[in-house]
Amino acid sequence: MPGEPDVMLDKDLRKTFHELAESGRRVDRRLEAMSETLEAQAVRLAESRASVDAALRELSRQIGGLGNKFGTLTEGLIYSSLQRILRDRLGMQNLAIMPDRRRLPDGGELEVDMLGWTNGKDNRVTVVEIKSHLTRRDLDQFGKILRRLGDFFPEHKGKTAEGVVAAIGIRRPMADEVQRRGFHLATASDESFRLADTAGFRAARFII
């Protein structure tokens, strides 16, 4: 019949358009579902990250507290040992544990862990630095302290100064570095400390 092919073509086009529209709606629904899933995952990820951050902060706080307690315990254990070392091995007649913090007019400030000294013919000062974790920077700073000791302790001006580094768990390379710089080394042994200077060691003496 005339015009029948056009009718059939129109039906086919409508069917095709309908199928495309339905496919488009299915794609939209899938994209919406995926978007909701991604948003939910993002929320869970943010919550997880917040939990991890909180856990890391708490761990850092606990480690810091442990370090402080360990440092206090370390100092408490070694004071009696160091007193014996200063008196019996290094000949110090007078001792002061954590003497008063000293300040200079130019703003300089110094606090030492332990100080020993002698008067008269054997005119010497020995400064003790206690460290749980010793670094080369600590040794640099200790050398500066010994060189300026007379500025902070004018009552000891004219004496010679020596340094003692008391350290826990020190590794051989760092122990060698301590001795190379001319500092006495005290190390932990059976809950006390002993002088661990190597054979032939000669302490560096600083004129203050």
N, C-alpha and C. Protein backbone atom coordinates (compact mmCIF):
# COMPACT_ATOMS: atom_id res chain seq x y z
N MET A 1 0.85 -1.19 0.00
CA MET A 1 0.00 0.00 0.00
C MET A 1 0.88 1.24 0.00
N PRO A 2 0.38 2.28 -0.70
CA PRO A 2 1.20 3.49 -0.72
C PRO A 2 1.35 4.06 0.68
N GLY A 3 2.56 4.49 0.98
CA GLY A 3 2.83 5.10 2.29
C GLY A 3 3.13 4.13 3.38
N GLU A 4 2.94 2.80 3.21
CA GLU A 4 3.19 1.81 4.27
C GLU A 4 4.65 1.76 4.69
N PRO A 5 5.62 1.83 3.77
CA PRO A 5 7.03 1.83 4.22
C PRO A 5 7.34 2.97 5.17
N ASP A 6 6.72 4.12 4.94
CA ASP A 6 6.98 5.27 5.82
C ASP A 6 6.45 5.00 7.23
N VAL A 7 5.29 4.34 7.30
CA VAL A 7 4.71 4.01 8.60
C VAL A 7 5.60 3.05 9.36
N MET A 8 6.09 2.04 8.66
CA MET A 8 6.98 1.08 9.29
C MET A 8 8.26 1.75 9.76
N LEU A 9 8.80 2.64 8.94
CA LEU A 9 10.01 3.34 9.31
C LEU A 9 9.79 4.21 10.55
N ASP A 10 8.64 4.84 10.62
CA ASP A 10 8.33 5.70 11.77
C ASP A 10 8.25 4.87 13.05
N LYS A 11 7.61 3.66 12.95
CA LYS A 11 7.53 2.78 14.12
C LYS A 11 8.92 2.34 14.57
N ASP A 12 9.77 2.01 13.59
CA ASP A 12 11.14 1.57 13.93
C ASP A 12 11.92 2.69 14.62
N LEU A 13 11.74 3.91 14.12
CA LEU A 13 12.45 5.04 14.73
C LEU A 13 11.98 5.30 16.15
N ARG A 14 10.63 5.22 16.36
CA ARG A 14 10.11 5.43 17.71
C ARG A 14 10.63 4.36 18.67
N LYS A 15 10.70 3.12 18.16
CA LYS A 15 11.21 2.03 18.99
C LYS A 15 12.67 2.25 19.34
N THR A 16 13.41 2.69 18.34
CA THR A 16 14.85 2.94 18.57
C THR A 16 15.03 4.08 19.58
N PHE A 17 14.27 5.17 19.40
CA PHE A 17 14.35 6.30 20.33
C PHE A 17 13.97 5.87 21.75
N HIS A 18 12.94 5.03 21.84
CA HIS A 18 12.50 4.54 23.16
C HIS A 18 13.61 3.72 23.83
N GLU A 19 14.22 2.84 23.04
CA GLU A 19 15.30 2.00 23.59
C GLU A 19 16.50 2.86 24.03
N LEU A 20 16.82 3.88 23.18
CA LEU A 20 17.93 4.78 23.56
C LEU A 20 17.61 5.55 24.83
N ALA A 21 16.37 6.01 24.93
CA ALA A 21 15.98 6.75 26.13
C ALA A 21 16.06 5.88 27.37
N GLU A 22 15.59 4.64 27.24
CA GLU A 22 15.65 3.72 28.38
C GLU A 22 17.09 3.43 28.75
N SER A 23 17.94 3.24 27.74
CA SER A 23 19.37 3.01 28.02
C SER A 23 19.99 4.22 28.74
N GLY A 24 19.57 5.40 28.29
CA GLY A 24 20.08 6.61 28.94
C GLY A 24 19.66 6.69 30.39
N ARG A 25 18.38 6.30 30.68
CA ARG A 25 17.90 6.32 32.07
C ARG A 25 18.66 5.30 32.93
N ARG A 26 18.93 4.12 32.33
CA ARG A 26 19.70 3.11 33.08
C ARG A 26 21.11 3.62 33.40
N VAL A 27 21.71 4.28 32.42
CA VAL A 27 23.06 4.85 32.65
C VAL A 27 23.00 5.91 33.74
N ASP A 28 21.95 6.76 33.71
CA ASP A 28 21.82 7.80 34.74
C ASP A 28 21.68 7.17 36.13
N ARG A 29 20.86 6.09 36.20
CA ARG A 29 20.67 5.44 37.50
C ARG A 29 21.99 4.84 38.00
N ARG A 30 22.75 4.23 37.08
CA ARG A 30 24.04 3.65 37.47
C ARG A 30 25.02 4.73 37.93
N LEU A 31 25.04 5.84 37.17
CA LEU A 31 25.94 6.94 37.56
C LEU A 31 25.56 7.51 38.92
N GLU A 32 24.25 7.63 39.16
CA GLU A 32 23.78 8.14 40.46
C GLU A 32 24.19 7.20 41.59
N ALA A 33 24.02 5.88 41.33
CA ALA A 33 24.40 4.90 42.34
C ALA A 33 25.90 4.94 42.60
N MET A 34 26.68 5.07 41.50
CA MET A 34 28.14 5.15 41.66
C MET A 34 28.53 6.40 42.42
N SER A 35 27.86 7.51 42.14
CA SER A 35 28.15 8.75 42.84
C SER A 35 27.89 8.62 44.33
N GLU A 36 26.72 7.99 44.67
CA GLU A 36 26.40 7.79 46.08
C GLU A 36 27.43 6.88 46.75
N THR A 37 27.86 5.85 46.01
CA THR A 37 28.87 4.93 46.57
C THR A 37 30.19 5.65 46.81
N LEU A 38 30.61 6.48 45.83
CA LEU A 38 31.86 7.22 45.97
C LEU A 38 31.79 8.21 47.13
N GLU A 39 30.63 8.88 47.28
CA GLU A 39 30.47 9.81 48.40
C GLU A 39 30.57 9.07 49.73
N ALA A 40 29.92 7.90 49.80
CA ALA A 40 29.97 7.11 51.03
C ALA A 40 31.41 6.66 51.31
N GLN A 41 32.13 6.24 50.26
CA GLN A 41 33.52 5.82 50.44
C GLN A 41 34.38 6.99 50.89
N ALA A 42 34.11 8.18 50.32
CA ALA A 42 34.87 9.36 50.71
C ALA A 42 34.66 9.69 52.18
N VAL A 43 33.39 9.57 52.61
CA VAL A 43 33.08 9.83 54.03
C VAL A 43 33.80 8.83 54.92
N ARG A 44 33.73 7.53 54.53
CA ARG A 44 34.41 6.51 55.34
C ARG A 44 35.92 6.73 55.36
N LEU A 45 36.48 7.15 54.20
CA LEU A 45 37.91 7.42 54.13
C LEU A 45 38.29 8.58 55.03
N ALA A 46 37.47 9.64 55.01
CA ALA A 46 37.74 10.79 55.87
C ALA A 46 37.67 10.40 57.34
N GLU A 47 36.67 9.58 57.69
CA GLU A 47 36.55 9.13 59.07
C GLU A 47 37.75 8.27 59.47
N SER A 48 38.17 7.39 58.55
CA SER A 48 39.31 6.53 58.84
C SER A 48 40.58 7.36 59.02
N ARG A 49 40.76 8.38 58.15
CA ARG A 49 41.94 9.24 58.26
C ARG A 49 41.93 10.00 59.57
N ALA A 50 40.75 10.49 59.96
CA ALA A 50 40.64 11.19 61.24
C ALA A 50 41.02 10.27 62.40
N SER A 51 40.57 9.01 62.32
CA SER A 51 40.90 8.05 63.37
C SER A 51 42.39 7.78 63.41
N VAL A 52 43.00 7.64 62.22
CA VAL A 52 44.45 7.39 62.15
C VAL A 52 45.21 8.59 62.71
N ASP A 53 44.79 9.80 62.33
CA ASP A 53 45.46 11.00 62.83
C ASP A 53 45.38 11.07 64.36
N ALA A 54 44.20 10.77 64.88
CA ALA A 54 44.02 10.79 66.34
C ALA A 54 44.91 9.75 67.01
N ALA A 55 44.98 8.55 66.39
CA ALA A 55 45.82 7.49 66.95
C ALA A 55 47.29 7.89 66.92
N LEU A 56 47.72 8.54 65.84
CA LEU A 56 49.12 8.97 65.74
C LEU A 56 49.44 10.04 66.77
N ARG A 57 48.49 10.97 66.98
CA ARG A 57 48.71 12.00 68.00
C ARG A 57 48.83 11.38 69.39
N GLU A 58 47.98 10.41 69.68
CA GLU A 58 48.03 9.75 70.98
C GLU A 58 49.33 8.97 71.15
N LEU A 59 49.75 8.28 70.06
CA LEU A 59 51.01 7.54 70.12
C LEU A 59 52.18 8.47 70.34
N SER A 60 52.16 9.61 69.65
CA SER A 60 53.23 10.59 69.82
C SER A 60 53.27 11.10 71.25
N ARG A 61 52.07 11.35 71.82
CA ARG A 61 52.01 11.83 73.21
C ARG A 61 52.57 10.78 74.17
N GLN A 62 52.21 9.51 73.94
CA GLN A 62 52.69 8.45 74.81
C GLN A 62 54.19 8.27 74.69
N ILE A 63 54.69 8.34 73.46
CA ILE A 63 56.14 8.19 73.26
C ILE A 63 56.87 9.33 73.93
N GLY A 64 56.32 10.55 73.79
CA GLY A 64 56.94 11.70 74.44
C GLY A 64 56.97 11.54 75.94
N GLY A 65 55.85 11.06 76.50
CA GLY A 65 55.82 10.83 77.94
C GLY A 65 56.79 9.76 78.38
N LEU A 66 56.88 8.71 77.56
CA LEU A 66 57.81 7.64 77.88
C LEU A 66 59.25 8.15 77.85
N GLY A 67 59.53 9.00 76.85
CA GLY A 67 60.87 9.57 76.76
C GLY A 67 61.21 10.41 77.98
N ASN A 68 60.22 11.20 78.44
CA ASN A 68 60.46 12.02 79.63
C ASN A 68 60.69 11.16 80.86
N LYS A 69 59.87 10.10 81.02
CA LYS A 69 60.05 9.21 82.16
C LYS A 69 61.39 8.50 82.09
N PHE A 70 61.74 8.08 80.85
CA PHE A 70 63.01 7.38 80.68
C PHE A 70 64.17 8.29 81.03
N GLY A 71 64.06 9.58 80.60
CA GLY A 71 65.13 10.52 80.92
C GLY A 71 65.25 10.73 82.42
N THR A 72 64.12 10.86 83.12
CA THR A 72 64.15 11.04 84.57
C THR A 72 64.73 9.82 85.26
N LEU A 73 64.31 8.63 84.81
CA LEU A 73 64.83 7.40 85.38
C LEU A 73 66.33 7.31 85.14
N THR A 74 66.76 7.65 83.93
CA THR A 74 68.18 7.59 83.59
C THR A 74 69.00 8.45 84.53
N GLU A 75 68.57 9.70 84.71
CA GLU A 75 69.32 10.60 85.57
C GLU A 75 69.34 10.10 87.01
N GLY A 76 68.18 9.59 87.49
CA GLY A 76 68.13 9.10 88.85
C GLY A 76 69.09 7.94 89.09
N LEU A 77 69.21 7.05 88.11
CA LEU A 77 70.09 5.90 88.26
C LEU A 77 71.56 6.28 88.25
N ILE A 78 71.90 7.27 87.48
CA ILE A 78 73.34 7.50 87.28
C ILE A 78 73.97 8.49 88.24
N TYR A 79 73.17 9.28 88.94
CA TYR A 79 73.79 10.29 89.80
C TYR A 79 74.73 9.68 90.83
N SER A 80 74.29 8.62 91.50
CA SER A 80 75.16 8.03 92.52
C SER A 80 76.41 7.44 91.89
N SER A 81 76.26 6.82 90.70
CA SER A 81 77.43 6.27 90.02
C SER A 81 78.38 7.38 89.59
N LEU A 82 77.82 8.46 89.09
CA LEU A 82 78.68 9.55 88.63
C LEU A 82 79.39 10.24 89.79
N GLN A 83 78.73 10.31 90.92
CA GLN A 83 79.40 10.88 92.09
C GLN A 83 80.65 10.08 92.43
N ARG A 84 80.53 8.74 92.38
CA ARG A 84 81.70 7.91 92.66
C ARG A 84 82.78 8.10 91.59
N ILE A 85 82.35 8.19 90.33
CA ILE A 85 83.33 8.39 89.26
C ILE A 85 84.07 9.71 89.43
N LEU A 86 83.31 10.77 89.73
CA LEU A 86 83.93 12.08 89.87
C LEU A 86 84.89 12.13 91.06
N ARG A 87 84.48 11.50 92.16
CA ARG A 87 85.33 11.54 93.34
C ARG A 87 86.51 10.57 93.24
N ASP A 88 86.21 9.29 92.93
CA ASP A 88 87.23 8.25 93.02
C ASP A 88 88.12 8.17 91.78
N ARG A 89 87.55 8.41 90.61
CA ARG A 89 88.33 8.25 89.38
C ARG A 89 88.91 9.56 88.86
N LEU A 90 88.16 10.65 89.05
CA LEU A 90 88.61 11.92 88.48
C LEU A 90 89.07 12.92 89.54
N GLY A 91 89.00 12.54 90.81
CA GLY A 91 89.59 13.35 91.87
C GLY A 91 88.86 14.62 92.22
N MET A 92 87.58 14.70 91.97
CA MET A 92 86.83 15.90 92.31
C MET A 92 86.51 15.91 93.81
N GLN A 93 86.77 17.02 94.46
CA GLN A 93 86.53 17.14 95.90
C GLN A 93 85.13 17.65 96.22
N ASN A 94 84.54 18.41 95.32
CA ASN A 94 83.23 19.02 95.56
C ASN A 94 82.30 18.67 94.39
N LEU A 95 81.04 18.45 94.73
CA LEU A 95 80.08 18.05 93.71
C LEU A 95 78.80 18.86 93.84
N ALA A 96 78.18 19.14 92.70
CA ALA A 96 76.88 19.80 92.68
C ALA A 96 76.03 19.15 91.59
N ILE A 97 74.84 18.65 91.97
CA ILE A 97 73.92 18.05 91.01
C ILE A 97 72.96 19.13 90.52
N MET A 98 72.92 19.33 89.22
CA MET A 98 72.09 20.33 88.58
C MET A 98 72.19 21.67 89.31
N PRO A 99 73.37 22.27 89.30
CA PRO A 99 73.52 23.58 89.94
C PRO A 99 72.60 24.61 89.30
N ASP A 100 72.44 25.75 89.98
CA ASP A 100 71.50 26.77 89.50
C ASP A 100 71.78 27.16 88.06
N ARG A 101 70.70 27.38 87.32
CA ARG A 101 70.82 27.86 85.94
C ARG A 101 71.54 29.21 85.94
N ARG A 102 72.48 29.35 85.03
CA ARG A 102 73.25 30.59 84.96
C ARG A 102 72.86 31.39 83.72
N ARG A 103 72.83 32.72 83.87
CA ARG A 103 72.50 33.62 82.76
C ARG A 103 73.55 34.70 82.64
N LEU A 104 73.73 35.19 81.41
CA LEU A 104 74.64 36.28 81.14
C LEU A 104 73.85 37.52 80.73
N PRO A 105 74.44 38.70 80.89
CA PRO A 105 73.74 39.93 80.47
C PRO A 105 73.35 39.93 79.00
N ASP A 106 74.14 39.23 78.16
CA ASP A 106 73.84 39.21 76.72
C ASP A 106 72.74 38.21 76.36
N GLY A 107 72.14 37.58 77.37
CA GLY A 107 71.04 36.65 77.12
C GLY A 107 71.44 35.20 77.09
N GLY A 108 72.75 34.92 77.15
CA GLY A 108 73.21 33.53 77.19
C GLY A 108 72.71 32.81 78.43
N GLU A 109 72.44 31.53 78.30
CA GLU A 109 71.90 30.75 79.41
C GLU A 109 72.53 29.37 79.42
N LEU A 110 72.79 28.86 80.62
CA LEU A 110 73.44 27.56 80.74
C LEU A 110 72.87 26.80 81.93
N GLU A 111 72.64 25.50 81.70
CA GLU A 111 72.25 24.60 82.79
C GLU A 111 72.98 23.28 82.57
N VAL A 112 73.73 22.83 83.56
CA VAL A 112 74.48 21.58 83.43
C VAL A 112 73.87 20.54 84.36
N ASP A 113 74.10 19.26 84.04
CA ASP A 113 73.52 18.18 84.84
C ASP A 113 74.28 17.94 86.14
N MET A 114 75.59 18.10 86.07
CA MET A 114 76.40 17.82 87.25
C MET A 114 77.73 18.55 87.12
N LEU A 115 78.24 19.01 88.25
CA LEU A 115 79.49 19.78 88.25
C LEU A 115 80.36 19.30 89.41
N GLY A 116 81.62 19.03 89.09
CA GLY A 116 82.58 18.69 90.13
C GLY A 116 83.77 19.63 90.02
N TRP A 117 84.43 19.92 91.17
CA TRP A 117 85.58 20.83 91.10
C TRP A 117 86.54 20.60 92.26
N THR A 118 87.76 21.02 92.04
CA THR A 118 88.80 21.00 93.07
C THR A 118 89.41 22.39 93.15
N ASN A 119 89.98 22.70 94.29
CA ASN A 119 90.64 23.98 94.50
C ASN A 119 92.11 23.75 94.87
N GLY A 120 92.84 24.81 94.88
CA GLY A 120 94.24 24.70 95.28
C GLY A 120 95.13 24.32 94.12
N LYS A 121 96.10 23.45 94.40
CA LYS A 121 97.09 23.09 93.39
C LYS A 121 96.44 22.40 92.19
N ASP A 122 95.53 21.47 92.45
CA ASP A 122 94.83 20.77 91.37
C ASP A 122 93.53 21.52 91.09
N ASN A 123 93.64 22.55 90.29
CA ASN A 123 92.55 23.51 90.10
C ASN A 123 91.74 23.13 88.85
N ARG A 124 90.75 22.24 89.02
CA ARG A 124 90.03 21.71 87.88
C ARG A 124 88.52 21.73 88.10
N VAL A 125 87.80 21.70 86.97
CA VAL A 125 86.34 21.58 86.97
C VAL A 125 85.97 20.45 86.01
N THR A 126 85.01 19.64 86.41
CA THR A 126 84.51 18.59 85.53
C THR A 126 83.01 18.77 85.36
N VAL A 127 82.57 18.83 84.12
CA VAL A 127 81.15 19.01 83.81
C VAL A 127 80.60 17.69 83.26
N VAL A 128 79.42 17.28 83.73
CA VAL A 128 78.80 16.04 83.28
C VAL A 128 77.56 16.37 82.45
N GLU A 129 77.47 15.74 81.29
CA GLU A 129 76.30 15.86 80.43
C GLU A 129 75.64 14.49 80.34
N ILE A 130 74.38 14.39 80.76
CA ILE A 130 73.64 13.13 80.75
C ILE A 130 72.74 13.09 79.52
N LYS A 131 72.86 12.01 78.74
CA LYS A 131 72.07 11.90 77.52
C LYS A 131 71.47 10.50 77.37
N SER A 132 70.17 10.44 77.08
CA SER A 132 69.54 9.17 76.74
C SER A 132 69.83 8.81 75.28
N HIS A 133 69.84 9.81 74.41
CA HIS A 133 70.11 9.62 72.98
C HIS A 133 71.13 10.66 72.56
N LEU A 134 72.35 10.24 72.39
CA LEU A 134 73.44 11.16 72.11
C LEU A 134 73.60 11.35 70.61
N THR A 135 73.80 12.62 70.20
CA THR A 135 74.04 12.95 68.80
C THR A 135 75.32 13.78 68.70
N ARG A 136 75.81 13.92 67.48
CA ARG A 136 76.98 14.76 67.25
C ARG A 136 76.70 16.22 67.57
N ARG A 137 75.46 16.63 67.33
CA ARG A 137 75.09 18.00 67.70
C ARG A 137 75.21 18.21 69.20
N ASP A 138 74.83 17.19 69.99
CA ASP A 138 74.99 17.28 71.44
C ASP A 138 76.46 17.48 71.81
N LEU A 139 77.34 16.76 71.11
CA LEU A 139 78.77 16.89 71.40
C LEU A 139 79.28 18.27 71.01
N ASP A 140 78.78 18.81 69.90
CA ASP A 140 79.17 20.17 69.51
C ASP A 140 78.77 21.16 70.59
N GLN A 141 77.54 21.03 71.06
CA GLN A 141 77.04 21.93 72.09
C GLN A 141 77.82 21.79 73.39
N PHE A 142 78.18 20.56 73.72
CA PHE A 142 78.92 20.32 74.96
C PHE A 142 80.29 21.00 74.89
N GLY A 143 80.95 20.94 73.75
CA GLY A 143 82.23 21.62 73.59
C GLY A 143 82.09 23.12 73.79
N LYS A 144 80.99 23.70 73.28
CA LYS A 144 80.77 25.14 73.45
C LYS A 144 80.55 25.48 74.93
N ILE A 145 79.84 24.61 75.63
CA ILE A 145 79.60 24.84 77.06
C ILE A 145 80.92 24.87 77.82
N LEU A 146 81.79 23.91 77.54
CA LEU A 146 83.07 23.84 78.25
C LEU A 146 83.93 25.07 77.95
N ARG A 147 83.89 25.56 76.73
CA ARG A 147 84.70 26.72 76.37
C ARG A 147 84.20 28.00 77.03
N ARG A 148 82.90 28.07 77.32
CA ARG A 148 82.33 29.28 77.93
C ARG A 148 82.05 29.11 79.42
N LEU A 149 82.52 28.04 79.99
CA LEU A 149 82.17 27.73 81.38
C LEU A 149 82.54 28.87 82.34
N GLY A 150 83.71 29.49 82.11
CA GLY A 150 84.14 30.57 82.99
C GLY A 150 83.22 31.78 82.96
N ASP A 151 82.55 31.99 81.82
CA ASP A 151 81.61 33.11 81.73
C ASP A 151 80.39 32.87 82.62
N PHE A 152 79.95 31.63 82.69
CA PHE A 152 78.76 31.30 83.47
C PHE A 152 79.09 31.01 84.93
N PHE A 153 80.29 30.49 85.18
CA PHE A 153 80.72 30.20 86.56
C PHE A 153 82.00 30.98 86.84
N PRO A 154 81.89 32.28 87.05
CA PRO A 154 83.09 33.11 87.25
C PRO A 154 83.90 32.68 88.47
N GLU A 155 83.26 31.98 89.42
CA GLU A 155 83.99 31.52 90.60
C GLU A 155 85.02 30.46 90.25
N HIS A 156 84.91 29.89 89.05
CA HIS A 156 85.87 28.88 88.62
C HIS A 156 86.82 29.37 87.53
N LYS A 157 86.81 30.66 87.26
CA LYS A 157 87.70 31.20 86.24
C LYS A 157 89.15 30.91 86.60
N GLY A 158 89.95 30.60 85.58
CA GLY A 158 91.35 30.28 85.79
C GLY A 158 91.62 28.79 85.94
N LYS A 159 90.54 27.99 86.10
CA LYS A 159 90.71 26.55 86.22
C LYS A 159 90.68 25.90 84.82
N THR A 160 91.03 24.64 84.79
CA THR A 160 90.87 23.87 83.55
C THR A 160 89.62 23.01 83.67
N ALA A 161 88.93 22.84 82.56
CA ALA A 161 87.66 22.10 82.58
C ALA A 161 87.77 20.85 81.72
N GLU A 162 87.14 19.78 82.20
CA GLU A 162 87.02 18.54 81.45
C GLU A 162 85.53 18.18 81.34
N GLY A 163 85.20 17.36 80.35
CA GLY A 163 83.81 16.96 80.17
C GLY A 163 83.63 15.46 80.29
N VAL A 164 82.48 15.07 80.87
CA VAL A 164 82.09 13.66 80.96
C VAL A 164 80.74 13.53 80.28
N VAL A 165 80.65 12.64 79.31
CA VAL A 165 79.38 12.33 78.66
C VAL A 165 78.87 11.00 79.21
N ALA A 166 77.71 11.02 79.86
CA ALA A 166 77.09 9.81 80.40
C ALA A 166 75.95 9.42 79.48
N ALA A 167 76.07 8.27 78.82
CA ALA A 167 75.10 7.90 77.80
C ALA A 167 74.63 6.46 77.99
N ILE A 168 73.40 6.19 77.54
CA ILE A 168 72.82 4.85 77.60
C ILE A 168 72.70 4.29 76.19
N GLY A 169 73.08 3.02 76.03
CA GLY A 169 72.90 2.37 74.74
C GLY A 169 73.69 3.01 73.61
N ILE A 170 74.83 3.54 73.91
CA ILE A 170 75.62 4.23 72.89
C ILE A 170 76.28 3.22 71.96
N ARG A 171 76.27 3.51 70.67
CA ARG A 171 76.90 2.63 69.69
C ARG A 171 78.38 2.95 69.57
N ARG A 172 79.14 1.97 69.09
CA ARG A 172 80.59 2.10 69.03
C ARG A 172 81.06 3.33 68.26
N PRO A 173 80.49 3.63 67.06
CA PRO A 173 80.97 4.82 66.34
C PRO A 173 80.80 6.10 67.14
N MET A 174 79.68 6.24 67.86
CA MET A 174 79.47 7.44 68.66
C MET A 174 80.37 7.43 69.89
N ALA A 175 80.58 6.27 70.49
CA ALA A 175 81.51 6.17 71.63
C ALA A 175 82.91 6.59 71.20
N ASP A 176 83.32 6.16 70.03
CA ASP A 176 84.64 6.55 69.52
C ASP A 176 84.70 8.06 69.28
N GLU A 177 83.57 8.64 68.82
CA GLU A 177 83.53 10.08 68.57
C GLU A 177 83.66 10.86 69.88
N VAL A 178 83.02 10.38 70.93
CA VAL A 178 83.13 11.03 72.24
C VAL A 178 84.59 11.08 72.68
N GLN A 179 85.28 9.95 72.58
CA GLN A 179 86.68 9.88 72.99
C GLN A 179 87.57 10.71 72.07
N ARG A 180 87.26 10.71 70.78
CA ARG A 180 88.07 11.48 69.83
C ARG A 180 88.04 12.97 70.17
N ARG A 181 86.89 13.43 70.67
CA ARG A 181 86.77 14.84 71.02
C ARG A 181 87.35 15.16 72.39
N GLY A 182 87.82 14.13 73.07
CA GLY A 182 88.47 14.37 74.35
C GLY A 182 87.55 14.40 75.55
N PHE A 183 86.35 13.83 75.43
CA PHE A 183 85.43 13.78 76.56
C PHE A 183 85.51 12.40 77.21
N HIS A 184 85.48 12.38 78.55
CA HIS A 184 85.34 11.10 79.26
C HIS A 184 84.00 10.49 78.88
N LEU A 185 83.94 9.15 78.87
CA LEU A 185 82.70 8.46 78.53
C LEU A 185 82.28 7.57 79.69
N ALA A 186 81.03 7.73 80.13
CA ALA A 186 80.44 6.87 81.15
C ALA A 186 79.29 6.12 80.50
N THR A 187 79.27 4.80 80.65
CA THR A 187 78.23 3.98 80.02
C THR A 187 77.53 3.13 81.07
N ALA A 188 76.30 2.68 80.72
CA ALA A 188 75.49 1.90 81.65
C ALA A 188 75.99 0.47 81.75
N SER A 189 75.98 -0.06 82.98
CA SER A 189 76.36 -1.45 83.22
C SER A 189 75.73 -1.91 84.52
N ASP A 190 74.79 -2.89 84.43
CA ASP A 190 74.13 -3.45 85.63
C ASP A 190 73.49 -2.36 86.49
N GLU A 191 72.68 -1.51 85.86
CA GLU A 191 71.92 -0.46 86.55
C GLU A 191 72.80 0.57 87.24
N SER A 192 74.03 0.69 86.81
CA SER A 192 74.91 1.74 87.29
C SER A 192 75.79 2.16 86.11
N PHE A 193 76.62 3.14 86.35
CA PHE A 193 77.48 3.62 85.27
C PHE A 193 78.95 3.46 85.65
N ARG A 194 79.74 3.20 84.63
CA ARG A 194 81.17 3.05 84.83
C ARG A 194 81.90 3.93 83.84
N LEU A 195 83.09 4.31 84.20
CA LEU A 195 83.91 5.09 83.29
C LEU A 195 84.45 4.15 82.22
N ALA A 196 84.21 4.49 80.96
CA ALA A 196 84.55 3.60 79.85
C ALA A 196 85.61 4.19 78.94
N ASP A 197 86.51 5.00 79.50
CA ASP A 197 87.59 5.56 78.68
C ASP A 197 88.47 4.45 78.13
N THR A 198 88.86 4.58 76.88
CA THR A 198 89.71 3.58 76.25
C THR A 198 91.14 3.72 76.75
N ALA A 199 91.94 2.66 76.54
CA ALA A 199 93.34 2.69 76.97
C ALA A 199 94.07 3.82 76.25
N GLY A 200 94.84 4.56 77.01
CA GLY A 200 95.60 5.66 76.44
C GLY A 200 94.82 6.93 76.21
N PHE A 201 93.55 6.96 76.65
CA PHE A 201 92.74 8.16 76.44
C PHE A 201 93.29 9.34 77.26
N ARG A 202 93.32 10.48 76.65
CA ARG A 202 93.73 11.73 77.31
C ARG A 202 92.62 12.75 77.15
N ALA A 203 92.09 13.23 78.24
CA ALA A 203 90.97 14.15 78.19
C ALA A 203 91.42 15.52 77.67
N ALA A 204 90.56 16.13 76.87
CA ALA A 204 90.80 17.51 76.43
C ALA A 204 90.55 18.43 77.60
N ARG A 205 91.42 19.40 77.78
CA ARG A 205 91.25 20.35 78.88
C ARG A 205 91.05 21.75 78.31
N PHE A 206 90.04 22.41 78.81
CA PHE A 206 89.67 23.75 78.34
C PHE A 206 90.02 24.75 79.43
N ILE A 207 90.79 25.76 79.10
CA ILE A 207 91.14 26.81 80.07
C ILE A 207 89.96 27.76 80.18
N ILE A 208 89.43 27.89 81.39
CA ILE A 208 88.26 28.76 81.56
C ILE A 208 88.60 29.97 82.40
